[in-house]
N, C-alpha and C. Protein backbone atom coordinates (compact mmCIF):
# COMPACT_ATOMS: atom_id res chain seq x y z
N UNK A 1 0.84 -1.19 0.00
CA UNK A 1 0.00 0.00 0.00
C UNK A 1 0.89 1.25 0.00
N UNK A 2 0.64 2.17 -0.91
CA UNK A 2 1.43 3.38 -1.04
C UNK A 2 1.06 4.37 0.05
N UNK A 3 2.06 4.96 0.68
CA UNK A 3 1.81 5.97 1.70
C UNK A 3 1.63 7.32 1.05
N UNK A 4 0.79 8.13 1.60
CA UNK A 4 0.60 9.49 1.12
C UNK A 4 1.68 10.38 1.71
N UNK A 5 2.04 11.39 0.94
CA UNK A 5 3.03 12.35 1.43
C UNK A 5 2.34 13.63 1.87
N UNK A 6 2.84 14.16 2.95
CA UNK A 6 2.46 15.50 3.38
C UNK A 6 3.74 16.31 3.36
N UNK A 7 3.66 17.43 2.68
CA UNK A 7 4.84 18.26 2.46
C UNK A 7 4.88 19.39 3.47
N UNK A 8 6.08 19.76 3.86
CA UNK A 8 6.22 20.85 4.83
C UNK A 8 7.31 21.81 4.38
N UNK A 9 7.21 23.00 4.92
CA UNK A 9 8.22 24.02 4.65
C UNK A 9 8.22 24.99 5.84
N UNK A 10 9.34 25.62 6.04
CA UNK A 10 9.43 26.69 7.04
C UNK A 10 9.35 28.01 6.30
N UNK A 11 8.28 28.75 6.53
CA UNK A 11 8.13 30.07 5.95
C UNK A 11 8.91 31.04 6.83
N UNK A 12 9.87 31.73 6.23
CA UNK A 12 10.65 32.73 6.97
C UNK A 12 10.53 34.05 6.22
N UNK A 13 10.00 35.03 6.91
CA UNK A 13 9.83 36.35 6.31
C UNK A 13 9.95 37.39 7.42
N UNK A 14 10.95 38.24 7.30
CA UNK A 14 11.24 39.23 8.33
C UNK A 14 11.34 38.52 9.67
N UNK A 15 10.53 38.89 10.66
CA UNK A 15 10.62 38.21 11.96
C UNK A 15 9.59 37.08 12.10
N UNK A 16 9.00 36.66 10.98
CA UNK A 16 8.03 35.58 11.00
C UNK A 16 8.72 34.26 10.65
N UNK A 17 8.44 33.23 11.44
CA UNK A 17 8.94 31.88 11.20
C UNK A 17 7.78 30.92 11.48
N UNK A 18 7.16 30.41 10.42
CA UNK A 18 5.98 29.57 10.54
C UNK A 18 6.16 28.29 9.73
N UNK A 19 5.89 27.16 10.33
CA UNK A 19 5.87 25.91 9.57
C UNK A 19 4.51 25.76 8.92
N UNK A 20 4.53 25.31 7.67
CA UNK A 20 3.28 25.02 6.98
C UNK A 20 3.36 23.59 6.45
N UNK A 21 2.20 22.98 6.26
CA UNK A 21 2.13 21.63 5.72
C UNK A 21 0.95 21.56 4.75
N UNK A 22 1.11 20.74 3.72
CA UNK A 22 0.08 20.62 2.68
C UNK A 22 0.23 19.29 1.96
N UNK A 23 -0.85 18.90 1.30
CA UNK A 23 -0.76 17.81 0.34
C UNK A 23 -0.33 18.46 -0.98
N UNK A 24 -0.34 17.72 -2.05
CA UNK A 24 0.00 18.32 -3.34
C UNK A 24 -1.09 19.26 -3.83
N UNK A 25 -2.27 19.25 -3.17
CA UNK A 25 -3.39 20.05 -3.64
C UNK A 25 -3.99 21.02 -2.61
N UNK A 26 -3.78 20.76 -1.31
CA UNK A 26 -4.48 21.54 -0.29
C UNK A 26 -3.58 21.90 0.89
N UNK A 27 -3.76 23.10 1.41
CA UNK A 27 -3.08 23.49 2.64
C UNK A 27 -3.74 22.77 3.81
N UNK A 28 -2.92 22.25 4.71
CA UNK A 28 -3.43 21.50 5.87
C UNK A 28 -3.14 22.18 7.20
N UNK A 29 -2.04 22.92 7.25
CA UNK A 29 -1.54 23.36 8.56
C UNK A 29 -0.71 24.62 8.40
N UNK A 30 -0.95 25.59 9.27
CA UNK A 30 -0.08 26.75 9.42
C UNK A 30 0.19 26.87 10.91
N UNK A 31 1.44 26.82 11.29
CA UNK A 31 1.81 26.81 12.69
C UNK A 31 1.91 28.18 13.32
N UNK A 32 2.28 28.16 14.56
CA UNK A 32 2.45 29.36 15.36
C UNK A 32 3.83 29.98 15.12
N UNK A 33 3.93 31.24 15.41
CA UNK A 33 5.18 31.97 15.29
C UNK A 33 6.26 31.30 16.15
N UNK A 34 7.41 31.03 15.55
CA UNK A 34 8.58 30.44 16.23
C UNK A 34 8.30 29.09 16.88
N UNK A 35 7.33 28.37 16.39
CA UNK A 35 6.99 27.05 16.90
C UNK A 35 8.04 26.04 16.43
N UNK A 36 8.39 25.05 17.24
CA UNK A 36 9.36 24.05 16.79
C UNK A 36 8.75 23.10 15.76
N UNK A 37 9.62 22.45 15.00
CA UNK A 37 9.18 21.50 13.99
C UNK A 37 8.36 20.37 14.60
N UNK A 38 8.64 20.01 15.85
CA UNK A 38 7.91 18.90 16.47
C UNK A 38 6.42 19.16 16.52
N UNK A 39 6.00 20.41 16.59
CA UNK A 39 4.56 20.71 16.62
C UNK A 39 3.88 20.26 15.33
N UNK A 40 4.46 20.56 14.18
CA UNK A 40 3.86 20.13 12.91
C UNK A 40 4.00 18.62 12.74
N UNK A 41 5.12 18.05 13.12
CA UNK A 41 5.28 16.61 12.93
C UNK A 41 4.33 15.82 13.83
N UNK A 42 4.12 16.27 15.06
CA UNK A 42 3.17 15.59 15.95
C UNK A 42 1.74 15.74 15.44
N UNK A 43 1.41 16.91 14.90
CA UNK A 43 0.07 17.11 14.36
C UNK A 43 -0.17 16.17 13.18
N UNK A 44 0.81 16.05 12.29
CA UNK A 44 0.68 15.17 11.14
C UNK A 44 0.53 13.72 11.59
N UNK A 45 1.33 13.30 12.56
CA UNK A 45 1.23 11.92 13.06
C UNK A 45 -0.15 11.63 13.63
N UNK A 46 -0.73 12.61 14.30
CA UNK A 46 -2.05 12.43 14.91
C UNK A 46 -3.17 12.41 13.86
N UNK A 47 -3.12 13.33 12.93
CA UNK A 47 -4.21 13.47 11.95
C UNK A 47 -4.05 12.60 10.71
N UNK A 48 -2.81 12.30 10.35
CA UNK A 48 -2.53 11.51 9.14
C UNK A 48 -1.47 10.46 9.50
N UNK A 49 -1.83 9.50 10.32
CA UNK A 49 -0.84 8.55 10.85
C UNK A 49 -0.10 7.72 9.80
N UNK A 50 -0.66 7.54 8.62
CA UNK A 50 0.00 6.74 7.58
C UNK A 50 0.79 7.59 6.59
N UNK A 51 0.80 8.87 6.79
CA UNK A 51 1.48 9.77 5.84
C UNK A 51 2.96 9.89 6.16
N UNK A 52 3.70 10.19 5.13
CA UNK A 52 5.13 10.48 5.26
C UNK A 52 5.30 11.99 5.17
N UNK A 53 6.05 12.56 6.07
CA UNK A 53 6.30 13.99 6.10
C UNK A 53 7.57 14.27 5.28
N UNK A 54 7.44 15.11 4.26
CA UNK A 54 8.54 15.37 3.32
C UNK A 54 8.73 16.89 3.17
N UNK A 55 9.95 17.36 3.33
CA UNK A 55 10.22 18.77 3.10
C UNK A 55 10.17 19.05 1.61
N UNK A 56 9.43 20.12 1.23
CA UNK A 56 9.34 20.48 -0.18
C UNK A 56 8.95 21.95 -0.28
N UNK A 57 9.93 22.82 -0.14
CA UNK A 57 9.67 24.26 -0.19
C UNK A 57 9.14 24.71 -1.54
N UNK A 58 9.61 24.08 -2.61
CA UNK A 58 9.15 24.48 -3.95
C UNK A 58 7.66 24.23 -4.12
N UNK A 59 7.18 23.08 -3.68
CA UNK A 59 5.77 22.75 -3.80
C UNK A 59 4.89 23.68 -2.96
N UNK A 60 5.40 24.13 -1.83
CA UNK A 60 4.63 24.99 -0.93
C UNK A 60 4.86 26.48 -1.18
N UNK A 61 5.63 26.82 -2.18
CA UNK A 61 5.97 28.23 -2.45
C UNK A 61 4.74 29.09 -2.68
N UNK A 62 3.73 28.58 -3.38
CA UNK A 62 2.54 29.41 -3.65
C UNK A 62 1.79 29.74 -2.36
N UNK A 63 1.76 28.78 -1.42
CA UNK A 63 1.13 29.05 -0.13
C UNK A 63 1.94 30.12 0.62
N UNK A 64 3.24 29.94 0.63
CA UNK A 64 4.12 30.89 1.32
C UNK A 64 3.98 32.29 0.71
N UNK A 65 3.91 32.37 -0.61
CA UNK A 65 3.78 33.67 -1.28
C UNK A 65 2.53 34.41 -0.81
N UNK A 66 1.40 33.70 -0.75
CA UNK A 66 0.16 34.36 -0.31
C UNK A 66 0.23 34.75 1.16
N UNK A 67 0.81 33.91 1.98
CA UNK A 67 0.93 34.23 3.41
C UNK A 67 1.84 35.44 3.60
N UNK A 68 2.93 35.50 2.86
CA UNK A 68 3.83 36.65 2.94
C UNK A 68 3.10 37.92 2.49
N UNK A 69 2.34 37.84 1.41
CA UNK A 69 1.55 39.00 0.96
C UNK A 69 0.60 39.45 2.07
N UNK A 70 -0.02 38.50 2.75
CA UNK A 70 -0.90 38.84 3.88
C UNK A 70 -0.10 39.54 4.97
N UNK A 71 1.04 38.99 5.35
CA UNK A 71 1.86 39.55 6.42
C UNK A 71 2.41 40.94 6.06
N UNK A 72 2.51 41.22 4.77
CA UNK A 72 2.96 42.54 4.32
C UNK A 72 1.79 43.51 4.14
N UNK A 73 0.57 43.06 4.41
CA UNK A 73 -0.60 43.91 4.27
C UNK A 73 -1.07 44.08 2.84
N UNK A 74 -0.61 43.22 1.93
CA UNK A 74 -0.97 43.31 0.52
C UNK A 74 -2.10 42.36 0.13
N UNK A 75 -2.55 41.53 1.06
CA UNK A 75 -3.58 40.53 0.77
C UNK A 75 -4.54 40.46 1.96
N UNK A 76 -5.83 40.43 1.67
CA UNK A 76 -6.84 40.33 2.73
C UNK A 76 -7.56 38.98 2.73
N UNK A 77 -7.44 38.24 1.64
CA UNK A 77 -8.03 36.90 1.54
C UNK A 77 -7.03 35.97 0.86
N UNK A 78 -7.27 34.69 1.01
CA UNK A 78 -6.40 33.69 0.41
C UNK A 78 -7.16 32.96 -0.70
N UNK A 79 -6.42 32.56 -1.74
CA UNK A 79 -7.05 31.87 -2.86
C UNK A 79 -6.75 30.37 -2.87
N UNK A 80 -5.83 29.92 -2.03
CA UNK A 80 -5.47 28.50 -2.06
C UNK A 80 -6.55 27.64 -1.42
N UNK A 81 -6.51 26.38 -1.79
CA UNK A 81 -7.46 25.39 -1.30
C UNK A 81 -7.02 24.87 0.07
N UNK A 82 -7.97 24.70 0.96
CA UNK A 82 -7.70 24.20 2.31
C UNK A 82 -8.43 22.87 2.49
N UNK A 83 -7.74 21.92 3.08
CA UNK A 83 -8.36 20.64 3.44
C UNK A 83 -8.49 20.60 4.95
N UNK A 84 -9.71 20.74 5.42
CA UNK A 84 -9.98 20.77 6.85
C UNK A 84 -10.05 19.35 7.39
N UNK A 85 -9.38 19.10 8.49
CA UNK A 85 -9.43 17.80 9.15
C UNK A 85 -9.93 18.06 10.57
N UNK A 86 -11.23 17.86 10.78
CA UNK A 86 -11.82 18.11 12.09
C UNK A 86 -13.18 17.46 12.19
N UNK A 87 -13.79 17.62 13.35
CA UNK A 87 -15.13 17.10 13.56
C UNK A 87 -16.14 17.96 12.79
N UNK A 88 -17.36 17.46 12.59
CA UNK A 88 -18.37 18.29 11.92
C UNK A 88 -18.59 19.64 12.64
N UNK A 89 -18.57 19.62 13.97
CA UNK A 89 -18.75 20.87 14.70
C UNK A 89 -17.57 21.82 14.48
N UNK A 90 -16.35 21.29 14.53
CA UNK A 90 -15.18 22.13 14.28
C UNK A 90 -15.25 22.75 12.88
N UNK A 91 -15.64 21.95 11.90
CA UNK A 91 -15.74 22.46 10.53
C UNK A 91 -16.75 23.59 10.43
N UNK A 92 -17.87 23.44 11.13
CA UNK A 92 -18.89 24.48 11.15
C UNK A 92 -18.33 25.78 11.73
N UNK A 93 -17.60 25.67 12.82
CA UNK A 93 -17.00 26.85 13.46
C UNK A 93 -15.93 27.45 12.56
N UNK A 94 -15.06 26.62 12.00
CA UNK A 94 -13.97 27.14 11.16
C UNK A 94 -14.51 27.85 9.93
N UNK A 95 -15.60 27.32 9.38
CA UNK A 95 -16.20 28.00 8.23
C UNK A 95 -16.80 29.35 8.64
N UNK A 96 -17.34 29.40 9.84
CA UNK A 96 -17.89 30.67 10.35
C UNK A 96 -16.78 31.72 10.52
N UNK A 97 -15.60 31.27 10.89
CA UNK A 97 -14.47 32.21 11.05
C UNK A 97 -14.15 32.91 9.73
N UNK A 98 -14.34 32.21 8.62
CA UNK A 98 -14.09 32.81 7.30
C UNK A 98 -15.03 33.96 7.00
N UNK A 99 -16.15 34.02 7.70
CA UNK A 99 -17.13 35.08 7.45
C UNK A 99 -16.78 36.38 8.17
N UNK A 100 -15.80 36.35 9.05
CA UNK A 100 -15.40 37.57 9.76
C UNK A 100 -14.57 38.42 8.81
N UNK A 101 -15.02 39.63 8.51
CA UNK A 101 -14.27 40.46 7.57
C UNK A 101 -12.87 40.82 8.08
N UNK A 102 -11.96 40.95 7.14
CA UNK A 102 -10.60 41.39 7.42
C UNK A 102 -10.64 42.68 8.23
N UNK A 103 -9.85 42.74 9.28
CA UNK A 103 -9.76 43.94 10.11
C UNK A 103 -10.84 44.06 11.17
N UNK A 104 -11.74 43.10 11.25
CA UNK A 104 -12.80 43.13 12.26
C UNK A 104 -12.65 41.96 13.22
N UNK A 105 -13.34 42.04 14.34
CA UNK A 105 -13.32 40.96 15.32
C UNK A 105 -14.74 40.56 15.69
N UNK A 106 -14.86 39.37 16.20
CA UNK A 106 -16.11 38.84 16.74
C UNK A 106 -15.79 38.14 18.05
N UNK A 107 -16.83 37.86 18.83
CA UNK A 107 -16.63 37.15 20.09
C UNK A 107 -17.01 35.67 19.90
N UNK A 108 -16.65 34.88 20.89
CA UNK A 108 -17.05 33.47 20.88
C UNK A 108 -18.57 33.36 20.83
N UNK A 109 -19.26 34.23 21.56
CA UNK A 109 -20.73 34.24 21.55
C UNK A 109 -21.27 34.57 20.17
N UNK A 110 -20.63 35.52 19.50
CA UNK A 110 -21.06 35.87 18.15
C UNK A 110 -21.02 34.64 17.23
N UNK A 111 -19.95 33.89 17.33
CA UNK A 111 -19.81 32.69 16.48
C UNK A 111 -20.84 31.65 16.87
N UNK A 112 -21.05 31.45 18.17
CA UNK A 112 -22.06 30.47 18.63
C UNK A 112 -23.44 30.84 18.08
N UNK A 113 -23.78 32.12 18.11
CA UNK A 113 -25.07 32.55 17.56
C UNK A 113 -25.09 32.39 16.04
N UNK A 114 -24.00 32.71 15.39
CA UNK A 114 -23.92 32.62 13.93
C UNK A 114 -24.17 31.19 13.44
N UNK A 115 -23.69 30.21 14.18
CA UNK A 115 -23.89 28.81 13.77
C UNK A 115 -25.16 28.22 14.38
N UNK A 116 -26.00 29.08 14.98
CA UNK A 116 -27.28 28.67 15.57
C UNK A 116 -27.13 27.69 16.73
N UNK A 117 -26.08 27.89 17.51
CA UNK A 117 -25.85 27.09 18.71
C UNK A 117 -25.44 28.04 19.84
N UNK A 118 -26.36 28.93 20.25
CA UNK A 118 -26.00 29.98 21.21
C UNK A 118 -25.53 29.48 22.57
N UNK A 119 -25.88 28.27 22.94
CA UNK A 119 -25.44 27.73 24.23
C UNK A 119 -24.07 27.05 24.14
N UNK A 120 -23.51 26.98 22.96
CA UNK A 120 -22.27 26.23 22.75
C UNK A 120 -21.02 27.11 22.74
N UNK A 121 -21.01 28.17 23.54
CA UNK A 121 -19.89 29.11 23.53
C UNK A 121 -18.58 28.41 23.89
N UNK A 122 -18.58 27.57 24.91
CA UNK A 122 -17.34 26.87 25.29
C UNK A 122 -16.90 25.90 24.21
N UNK A 123 -17.84 25.20 23.60
CA UNK A 123 -17.51 24.28 22.51
C UNK A 123 -16.94 25.05 21.31
N UNK A 124 -17.48 26.24 21.06
CA UNK A 124 -16.94 27.10 20.00
C UNK A 124 -15.49 27.46 20.33
N UNK A 125 -15.23 27.81 21.58
CA UNK A 125 -13.86 28.13 22.00
C UNK A 125 -12.92 26.96 21.80
N UNK A 126 -13.37 25.77 22.13
CA UNK A 126 -12.54 24.57 21.96
C UNK A 126 -12.28 24.31 20.47
N UNK A 127 -13.28 24.49 19.64
CA UNK A 127 -13.12 24.29 18.19
C UNK A 127 -12.14 25.31 17.62
N UNK A 128 -12.26 26.54 18.07
CA UNK A 128 -11.34 27.58 17.60
C UNK A 128 -9.91 27.25 18.03
N UNK A 129 -9.75 26.77 19.25
CA UNK A 129 -8.42 26.39 19.74
C UNK A 129 -7.81 25.23 18.99
N UNK A 130 -8.63 24.42 18.35
CA UNK A 130 -8.14 23.26 17.60
C UNK A 130 -7.86 23.58 16.13
N UNK A 131 -8.06 24.81 15.73
CA UNK A 131 -7.85 25.22 14.34
C UNK A 131 -6.38 25.00 13.95
N UNK A 132 -6.12 24.14 12.96
CA UNK A 132 -4.73 23.87 12.58
C UNK A 132 -4.17 24.83 11.53
N UNK A 133 -5.01 25.72 11.02
CA UNK A 133 -4.57 26.54 9.89
C UNK A 133 -4.64 28.02 10.27
N UNK A 134 -3.67 28.43 11.10
CA UNK A 134 -3.64 29.83 11.53
C UNK A 134 -3.51 30.74 10.32
N UNK A 135 -3.93 31.96 10.49
CA UNK A 135 -3.94 33.01 9.47
C UNK A 135 -5.02 32.76 8.42
N UNK A 136 -4.96 31.63 7.72
CA UNK A 136 -5.92 31.37 6.65
C UNK A 136 -7.32 31.10 7.18
N UNK A 137 -7.42 30.46 8.33
CA UNK A 137 -8.69 30.33 9.05
C UNK A 137 -8.54 31.30 10.23
N UNK A 138 -9.10 32.49 10.11
CA UNK A 138 -8.74 33.62 10.96
C UNK A 138 -9.26 33.59 12.40
N UNK A 139 -8.80 32.62 13.17
CA UNK A 139 -9.22 32.54 14.56
C UNK A 139 -8.63 33.67 15.39
N UNK A 140 -7.63 34.36 14.86
CA UNK A 140 -7.07 35.51 15.58
C UNK A 140 -8.09 36.67 15.67
N UNK A 141 -9.14 36.61 14.89
CA UNK A 141 -10.16 37.66 14.90
C UNK A 141 -11.21 37.46 16.00
N UNK A 142 -11.01 36.47 16.85
CA UNK A 142 -11.94 36.22 17.95
C UNK A 142 -11.38 36.85 19.23
N UNK A 143 -12.22 37.63 19.88
CA UNK A 143 -11.84 38.29 21.14
C UNK A 143 -12.86 37.95 22.23
N UNK A 144 -12.50 38.27 23.45
CA UNK A 144 -13.42 38.05 24.57
C UNK A 144 -14.61 38.97 24.49
N UNK A 145 -15.61 38.67 25.30
CA UNK A 145 -16.87 39.42 25.27
C UNK A 145 -16.67 40.92 25.47
N UNK A 146 -15.70 41.29 26.29
CA UNK A 146 -15.45 42.71 26.55
C UNK A 146 -14.39 43.29 25.62
N UNK A 147 -14.02 42.55 24.57
CA UNK A 147 -13.07 43.03 23.59
C UNK A 147 -11.61 42.72 23.91
N UNK A 148 -11.37 42.05 25.02
CA UNK A 148 -9.99 41.74 25.39
C UNK A 148 -9.45 40.57 24.56
N UNK A 149 -8.14 40.55 24.43
CA UNK A 149 -7.51 39.43 23.74
C UNK A 149 -7.56 38.21 24.65
N UNK A 150 -7.96 37.11 24.06
CA UNK A 150 -8.06 35.85 24.81
C UNK A 150 -7.16 34.82 24.14
N UNK A 151 -7.14 33.63 24.67
CA UNK A 151 -6.26 32.57 24.20
C UNK A 151 -6.14 32.45 22.70
N UNK A 152 -4.96 32.06 22.27
CA UNK A 152 -4.66 31.88 20.86
C UNK A 152 -3.51 30.88 20.76
N UNK A 153 -3.65 29.88 19.93
CA UNK A 153 -2.62 28.85 19.80
C UNK A 153 -1.26 29.46 19.47
N UNK A 154 -1.24 30.52 18.73
CA UNK A 154 0.00 31.19 18.37
C UNK A 154 0.55 32.10 19.44
N UNK A 155 -0.17 32.25 20.55
CA UNK A 155 0.24 33.15 21.62
C UNK A 155 -0.40 34.52 21.45
N UNK A 156 -0.59 35.20 22.56
CA UNK A 156 -1.27 36.50 22.52
C UNK A 156 -0.46 37.56 21.78
N UNK A 157 0.86 37.47 21.82
CA UNK A 157 1.69 38.44 21.09
C UNK A 157 1.47 38.32 19.58
N UNK A 158 1.39 37.09 19.09
CA UNK A 158 1.13 36.88 17.66
C UNK A 158 -0.27 37.38 17.30
N UNK A 159 -1.24 37.08 18.15
CA UNK A 159 -2.61 37.52 17.91
C UNK A 159 -2.68 39.04 17.84
N UNK A 160 -2.05 39.69 18.79
CA UNK A 160 -2.04 41.16 18.83
C UNK A 160 -1.40 41.72 17.56
N UNK A 161 -0.31 41.13 17.14
CA UNK A 161 0.40 41.58 15.95
C UNK A 161 -0.47 41.44 14.70
N UNK A 162 -1.18 40.32 14.58
CA UNK A 162 -2.06 40.10 13.43
C UNK A 162 -3.24 41.07 13.42
N UNK A 163 -3.84 41.29 14.58
CA UNK A 163 -4.98 42.22 14.65
C UNK A 163 -4.54 43.65 14.33
N UNK A 164 -3.36 44.04 14.80
CA UNK A 164 -2.84 45.38 14.50
C UNK A 164 -2.55 45.52 13.00
N UNK A 165 -1.97 44.48 12.41
CA UNK A 165 -1.69 44.48 10.97
C UNK A 165 -2.98 44.67 10.19
N UNK A 166 -4.01 43.90 10.54
CA UNK A 166 -5.27 44.00 9.81
C UNK A 166 -5.96 45.34 10.04
N UNK A 167 -5.92 45.83 11.26
CA UNK A 167 -6.57 47.11 11.55
C UNK A 167 -5.92 48.23 10.73
N UNK A 168 -4.60 48.23 10.69
CA UNK A 168 -3.86 49.23 9.94
C UNK A 168 -4.18 49.16 8.45
N UNK A 169 -4.16 47.98 7.89
CA UNK A 169 -4.35 47.81 6.44
C UNK A 169 -5.81 47.86 6.02
N UNK A 170 -6.74 47.62 6.91
CA UNK A 170 -8.16 47.72 6.58
C UNK A 170 -8.56 49.18 6.39
N UNK A 171 -7.80 50.08 7.00
CA UNK A 171 -8.12 51.50 6.92
C UNK A 171 -7.57 52.15 5.66
N UNK A 172 -6.65 51.46 4.98
CA UNK A 172 -6.02 52.05 3.78
C UNK A 172 -6.97 52.06 2.60
């Protein structure tokens, strides 16, 4: 039986260092700022246990190009294909995150209401925390009920940096 390959690359741009992973057709994973390689390799082992992890910067260059354009404030949306690997509820939440306009924020409650599950605020938070595709699935646009920055897999400093980037470029 042939094993599937999952390709990875380290995106390095200015002070950004992010591991990304993809199949030959779809983006699967965007890691946290300055995260070690073990984070992406452990995620791949968990979600795709029969896959082989292969470094291939050339194959992932188009993903990196769009992410760099985003980080430079030149892109507000992504055109690449994403392959979501999650539960039906997580997929529902992650799709709702795509509806948050660039430069704006929503609360966990807003997302729970948007998906017609207003009592599922904690479950929404857990689904957002499990998002494997940072930046492209914009979980950084979620804030606490009073507007404060709350947990983020990439860390609050990364979240703050992304929100400031979007706020600045949304006004241009």
